[in-house]
């Protein structure tokens, strides 16, 4: 039986992974690769791209085998570490548990893409003029928010 403390983890994971996969599925079926739809002029577009690398396209030029071993292996190891830390985090650290669950959920969302199509679907494209932030997706957003919460706890709170 699932312990009460794990309901938060499971709720966040299920919610984020479903939202992430649905948004990526819509992009895949409705937008040709590299199509860009401006939403806010000179600031935000939906742009369908695939990221074969890691964060910010890191290692995108490496061979597919190297990327698969590295990203699938590191993701799996990271999920184990985050899951263990979540398990050990006391109930009173609710926001820390939320942050860890967000990181876990985002990692799963992108891991699904890597297993399913060998690369990650990105589509949220923010920019000012010609200066673009690398495109990202719901899973990336989840990881980023989770990391901010984790850093906050590391800096300002007494971590368990």
Protein backbone atom coordinates (compact mmCIF):
# COMPACT_ATOMS: atom_id res chain seq x y z
CA UNK A 1 0.00 0.00 0.00
CA UNK A 2 1.21 3.50 -0.86
CA UNK A 3 2.17 5.49 2.24
CA UNK A 4 0.31 8.78 2.74
CA UNK A 5 3.53 10.75 2.33
CA UNK A 6 3.90 9.38 -1.20
CA UNK A 7 0.52 10.64 -2.44
CA UNK A 8 2.04 14.07 -3.04
CA UNK A 9 4.87 12.56 -5.07
CA UNK A 10 2.55 10.40 -7.15
CA UNK A 11 0.05 13.23 -7.74
CA UNK A 12 2.75 15.60 -8.99
CA UNK A 13 4.43 12.95 -11.13
CA UNK A 14 1.18 11.82 -12.74
CA UNK A 15 -0.01 15.40 -13.33
CA UNK A 16 3.25 16.72 -14.79
CA UNK A 17 3.96 13.66 -16.94
CA UNK A 18 0.43 13.69 -18.40
CA UNK A 19 0.58 17.45 -19.10
CA UNK A 20 4.08 17.12 -20.57
CA UNK A 21 3.22 14.20 -22.83
CA UNK A 22 -0.09 15.70 -24.00
CA UNK A 23 1.55 19.02 -24.94
CA UNK A 24 4.37 17.22 -26.78
CA UNK A 25 1.85 14.96 -28.56
CA UNK A 26 -0.15 18.00 -29.72
CA UNK A 27 3.03 19.65 -31.01
CA UNK A 28 4.07 16.45 -32.80
CA UNK A 29 0.72 15.98 -34.58
CA UNK A 30 -0.22 19.62 -35.23
CA UNK A 31 3.09 21.32 -36.06
CA UNK A 32 5.66 20.27 -38.63
CA UNK A 33 9.22 20.14 -37.32
CA UNK A 34 10.74 23.67 -37.14
CA UNK A 35 7.38 25.41 -37.55
CA UNK A 36 7.11 28.48 -35.35
CA UNK A 37 3.86 30.17 -34.33
CA UNK A 38 4.30 33.64 -32.80
CA UNK A 39 2.20 34.08 -29.66
CA UNK A 40 3.63 37.36 -28.33
CA UNK A 41 5.53 39.31 -30.99
CA UNK A 42 9.27 39.57 -30.33
CA UNK A 43 8.96 37.58 -27.09
CA UNK A 44 7.32 34.14 -27.27
CA UNK A 45 6.53 31.55 -29.94
CA UNK A 46 5.57 27.92 -30.09
CA UNK A 47 8.41 26.38 -32.07
CA UNK A 48 8.59 22.65 -32.77
CA UNK A 49 12.15 21.39 -32.38
CA UNK A 50 13.79 18.18 -31.21
CA UNK A 51 16.72 18.21 -28.82
CA UNK A 52 19.06 15.27 -29.25
CA UNK A 53 21.34 16.57 -26.51
CA UNK A 54 20.90 17.39 -22.85
CA UNK A 55 20.05 20.71 -21.26
CA UNK A 56 20.71 23.57 -23.70
CA UNK A 57 21.58 21.01 -26.41
CA UNK A 58 24.62 19.78 -24.47
CA UNK A 59 26.37 16.88 -26.27
CA UNK A 60 23.94 17.00 -29.22
CA UNK A 61 26.85 16.33 -31.60
CA UNK A 62 27.90 13.09 -29.90
CA UNK A 63 27.00 9.74 -31.40
CA UNK A 64 23.52 8.38 -30.72
CA UNK A 65 24.99 5.48 -28.71
CA UNK A 66 27.02 7.79 -26.46
CA UNK A 67 24.00 10.07 -25.91
CA UNK A 68 21.73 7.09 -25.17
CA UNK A 69 24.12 5.58 -22.64
CA UNK A 70 24.87 8.91 -20.99
CA UNK A 71 21.38 10.43 -20.86
CA UNK A 72 19.42 7.26 -20.15
CA UNK A 73 21.97 6.13 -17.57
CA UNK A 74 22.27 9.49 -15.83
CA UNK A 75 18.50 9.98 -15.86
CA UNK A 76 17.92 6.58 -14.30
CA UNK A 77 20.61 7.18 -11.66
CA UNK A 78 19.19 10.65 -10.93
CA UNK A 79 15.69 9.25 -10.52
CA UNK A 80 17.01 6.75 -7.99
CA UNK A 81 18.83 9.43 -6.00
CA UNK A 82 15.88 11.84 -6.05
CA UNK A 83 13.47 9.05 -5.11
CA UNK A 84 15.67 8.01 -2.19
CA UNK A 85 16.02 11.62 -0.97
CA UNK A 86 12.25 12.13 -1.27
CA UNK A 87 11.69 8.95 0.75
CA UNK A 88 14.05 10.21 3.49
CA UNK A 89 12.59 13.76 3.61
CA UNK A 90 10.35 14.26 6.66
CA UNK A 91 6.68 15.16 6.15
CA UNK A 92 7.10 18.68 7.58
CA UNK A 93 9.31 19.65 4.62
CA UNK A 94 6.35 19.88 2.24
CA UNK A 95 7.89 22.36 -0.20
CA UNK A 96 11.12 20.41 -0.38
CA UNK A 97 9.11 17.29 -1.17
CA UNK A 98 7.21 19.26 -3.85
CA UNK A 99 10.51 20.41 -5.37
CA UNK A 100 11.90 16.89 -5.45
CA UNK A 101 8.66 15.57 -6.96
CA UNK A 102 8.80 18.26 -9.68
CA UNK A 103 12.38 17.31 -10.56
CA UNK A 104 11.44 13.62 -10.59
CA UNK A 105 8.37 14.24 -12.79
CA UNK A 106 10.29 16.37 -15.29
CA UNK A 107 13.04 13.79 -15.55
CA UNK A 108 10.46 11.10 -16.27
CA UNK A 109 8.74 13.26 -18.91
CA UNK A 110 11.96 13.75 -20.86
CA UNK A 111 13.07 10.16 -20.28
CA UNK A 112 9.85 8.97 -21.93
CA UNK A 113 10.77 11.01 -25.03
CA UNK A 114 14.29 9.59 -25.12
CA UNK A 115 12.96 6.02 -24.94
CA UNK A 116 10.09 6.68 -27.36
CA UNK A 117 11.72 8.78 -30.10
CA UNK A 118 15.40 9.05 -29.10
CA UNK A 119 15.24 12.80 -28.50
CA UNK A 120 13.24 15.36 -26.54
CA UNK A 121 10.43 17.44 -28.06
CA UNK A 122 10.76 21.14 -27.17
CA UNK A 123 8.37 23.91 -28.15
CA UNK A 124 8.35 26.84 -25.70
CA UNK A 125 10.53 29.48 -27.35
CA UNK A 126 11.22 32.76 -25.50
CA UNK A 127 13.30 35.49 -27.10
CA UNK A 128 13.92 39.22 -27.38
CA UNK A 129 14.86 40.23 -30.89
CA UNK A 130 17.52 37.79 -32.05
CA UNK A 131 18.41 36.66 -28.50
CA UNK A 132 16.76 33.29 -27.83
CA UNK A 133 16.60 31.28 -24.65
CA UNK A 134 16.92 27.61 -25.66
CA UNK A 135 13.50 26.13 -26.37
CA UNK A 136 12.09 23.93 -23.64
CA UNK A 137 8.98 21.99 -22.60
CA UNK A 138 6.73 21.28 -19.61
CA UNK A 139 9.14 18.66 -18.20
CA UNK A 140 12.05 21.13 -18.37
CA UNK A 141 9.92 23.74 -16.59
CA UNK A 142 9.06 21.23 -13.88
CA UNK A 143 12.73 20.39 -13.32
CA UNK A 144 13.68 24.10 -13.23
CA UNK A 145 11.00 25.00 -10.68
CA UNK A 146 11.95 21.97 -8.58
CA UNK A 147 15.62 22.96 -8.63
CA UNK A 148 14.75 26.51 -7.49
CA UNK A 149 12.78 25.06 -4.56
CA UNK A 150 15.65 22.68 -3.74
CA UNK A 151 18.21 25.51 -3.85
CA UNK A 152 16.01 27.66 -1.63
CA UNK A 153 15.95 24.88 0.95
CA UNK A 154 19.68 24.32 0.68
CA UNK A 155 20.44 28.02 1.19
CA UNK A 156 17.74 29.24 3.57
CA UNK A 157 16.33 26.22 5.38
CA UNK A 158 17.74 23.56 7.63
CA UNK A 159 17.75 20.61 5.23
CA UNK A 160 16.93 17.20 6.67
